[in-house]
């Protein structure tokens, strides 16, 4: 299945429900008028992930400098976009694993992995330190 569908405004008006279902399945809808793209419709989680990436890369050094303090703040955040910014920032900075990021965002890890792959976000394979192994084990035990 192609990940981007190009549709005319009139087709969007006639098939809104189908277009939204497709978007929820991971297809971006690019709405065109007279052959020119005007807007894109994307899944809200993909939107939040993309905004978090922009936030990280514009503030990367500050995120890396905060280190463990970022982790402590994450659990107290009420704003969903700020939570995504912090969680993905930690992941991209190498401070937490993919499974911990998924846990913070309350997403299945396989869903997050699939979204990262679709969006071209690098996946870190395996753990990078003993601390990361311990963190994953402790998180797993605390959920049981």
Protein backbone atom coordinates (compact mmCIF):
# COMPACT_ATOMS: atom_id res chain seq x y z
CA UNK A 1 0.00 0.00 0.00
CA UNK A 2 1.34 3.42 -0.97
CA UNK A 3 1.91 5.62 2.09
CA UNK A 4 0.72 8.84 0.44
CA UNK A 5 -2.57 9.20 -1.37
CA UNK A 6 -3.29 12.21 -3.55
CA UNK A 7 -6.95 13.20 -3.63
CA UNK A 8 -8.95 16.05 -5.04
CA UNK A 9 -10.97 18.33 -2.76
CA UNK A 10 -14.19 17.06 -4.26
CA UNK A 11 -13.16 13.43 -3.58
CA UNK A 12 -12.36 14.36 0.01
CA UNK A 13 -15.82 15.85 0.40
CA UNK A 14 -17.46 12.72 -1.02
CA UNK A 15 -15.25 10.16 0.77
CA UNK A 16 -14.27 11.84 4.04
CA UNK A 17 -14.82 8.75 6.19
CA UNK A 18 -12.74 6.51 3.91
CA UNK A 19 -9.91 9.06 3.70
CA UNK A 20 -9.82 9.36 7.50
CA UNK A 21 -9.80 5.55 7.88
CA UNK A 22 -6.86 5.39 5.46
CA UNK A 23 -5.03 8.11 7.39
CA UNK A 24 -5.56 6.21 10.64
CA UNK A 25 -3.96 3.19 8.96
CA UNK A 26 -0.80 5.16 8.20
CA UNK A 27 -1.54 6.75 4.82
CA UNK A 28 -1.02 10.48 4.48
CA UNK A 29 -3.67 12.20 2.37
CA UNK A 30 -2.48 15.08 0.21
CA UNK A 31 -5.48 17.14 -0.84
CA UNK A 32 -5.09 18.83 -4.19
CA UNK A 33 -6.96 21.52 -6.05
CA UNK A 34 -6.34 21.90 -9.79
CA UNK A 35 -3.35 19.56 -9.48
CA UNK A 36 -1.67 21.61 -6.74
CA UNK A 37 -1.21 20.23 -3.22
CA UNK A 38 -2.96 22.41 -0.64
CA UNK A 39 -3.01 20.45 2.62
CA UNK A 40 -1.90 17.13 4.05
CA UNK A 41 -3.93 15.05 6.49
CA UNK A 42 -1.89 12.82 8.80
CA UNK A 43 -2.58 10.65 11.81
CA UNK A 44 -2.42 12.62 15.09
CA UNK A 45 0.29 10.41 16.59
CA UNK A 46 2.46 10.82 13.48
CA UNK A 47 1.82 14.57 13.71
CA UNK A 48 2.94 14.66 17.35
CA UNK A 49 6.02 12.56 16.55
CA UNK A 50 6.99 14.88 13.70
CA UNK A 51 6.55 17.97 15.89
CA UNK A 52 8.66 16.29 18.59
CA UNK A 53 11.43 15.62 16.05
CA UNK A 54 11.45 19.27 15.03
CA UNK A 55 11.56 20.27 18.69
CA UNK A 56 14.47 17.92 19.39
CA UNK A 57 16.59 18.99 16.44
CA UNK A 58 16.07 22.67 17.22
CA UNK A 59 16.98 22.11 20.89
CA UNK A 60 19.23 19.05 20.67
CA UNK A 61 22.14 20.30 22.75
CA UNK A 62 19.88 21.53 25.55
CA UNK A 63 18.14 18.12 25.62
CA UNK A 64 21.47 16.28 25.81
CA UNK A 65 22.68 18.63 28.56
CA UNK A 66 19.60 17.97 30.70
CA UNK A 67 20.22 14.21 30.80
CA UNK A 68 18.45 12.43 33.66
CA UNK A 69 16.57 15.56 34.73
CA UNK A 70 14.43 15.23 31.59
CA UNK A 71 13.32 11.74 32.64
CA UNK A 72 12.12 13.00 36.01
CA UNK A 73 10.06 15.79 34.46
CA UNK A 74 8.37 13.55 31.87
CA UNK A 75 6.14 11.71 34.30
CA UNK A 76 4.55 14.98 35.52
CA UNK A 77 3.62 16.47 32.13
CA UNK A 78 -0.03 17.15 31.31
CA UNK A 79 0.40 18.62 27.80
CA UNK A 80 0.44 15.72 25.31
CA UNK A 81 2.75 17.47 22.82
CA UNK A 82 5.26 18.36 25.53
CA UNK A 83 5.20 14.71 26.63
CA UNK A 84 5.97 13.59 23.06
CA UNK A 85 8.72 16.22 22.80
CA UNK A 86 10.35 15.03 26.02
CA UNK A 87 9.95 11.28 25.38
CA UNK A 88 11.24 11.38 21.80
CA UNK A 89 13.96 13.82 22.76
CA UNK A 90 15.18 11.36 25.37
CA UNK A 91 15.09 8.53 22.84
CA UNK A 92 16.94 10.48 20.16
CA UNK A 93 19.51 11.68 22.70
CA UNK A 94 20.16 8.04 23.61
CA UNK A 95 18.88 8.41 27.17
CA UNK A 96 16.08 5.81 26.99
CA UNK A 97 15.22 2.76 24.93
CA UNK A 98 12.48 2.41 22.35
CA UNK A 99 10.45 0.28 24.76
CA UNK A 100 10.72 2.93 27.49
CA UNK A 101 9.70 5.62 24.99
CA UNK A 102 6.65 3.57 24.00
CA UNK A 103 5.78 3.09 27.66
CA UNK A 104 5.98 6.83 28.38
CA UNK A 105 3.76 7.54 25.36
CA UNK A 106 1.37 4.71 26.28
CA UNK A 107 1.82 3.07 22.86
CA UNK A 108 2.57 -0.55 22.00
CA UNK A 109 6.28 -0.82 21.25
CA UNK A 110 5.62 -2.52 17.90
CA UNK A 111 3.31 0.35 16.89
CA UNK A 112 5.99 2.91 17.76
CA UNK A 113 8.65 0.88 15.92
CA UNK A 114 6.41 0.71 12.83
CA UNK A 115 5.73 4.45 12.96
CA UNK A 116 9.44 5.22 13.32
CA UNK A 117 10.22 3.02 10.33
CA UNK A 118 7.46 4.61 8.22
CA UNK A 119 8.55 8.14 9.19
CA UNK A 120 12.26 7.44 8.64
CA UNK A 121 13.25 7.84 12.29
CA UNK A 122 16.40 5.89 13.17
CA UNK A 123 15.90 2.81 15.33
CA UNK A 124 18.58 2.05 17.86
CA UNK A 125 19.05 -1.70 17.85
CA UNK A 126 19.64 -3.29 21.22
CA UNK A 127 20.75 -1.72 24.44
CA UNK A 128 23.74 0.56 24.58
CA UNK A 129 24.68 0.28 28.23
CA UNK A 130 24.24 -1.72 31.43
CA UNK A 131 22.12 1.16 32.78
CA UNK A 132 19.71 0.75 29.87
CA UNK A 133 19.38 -3.00 30.55
CA UNK A 134 18.69 -2.32 34.22
CA UNK A 135 16.14 0.38 33.33
CA UNK A 136 14.27 -1.96 30.97
CA UNK A 137 14.24 -4.78 33.53
CA UNK A 138 13.01 -2.48 36.30
CA UNK A 139 10.30 -1.02 34.05
CA UNK A 140 9.16 -4.49 33.05
CA UNK A 141 9.02 -5.65 36.68
CA UNK A 142 7.14 -2.55 37.82
CA UNK A 143 4.43 -3.17 35.20
CA UNK A 144 3.77 -6.71 36.47
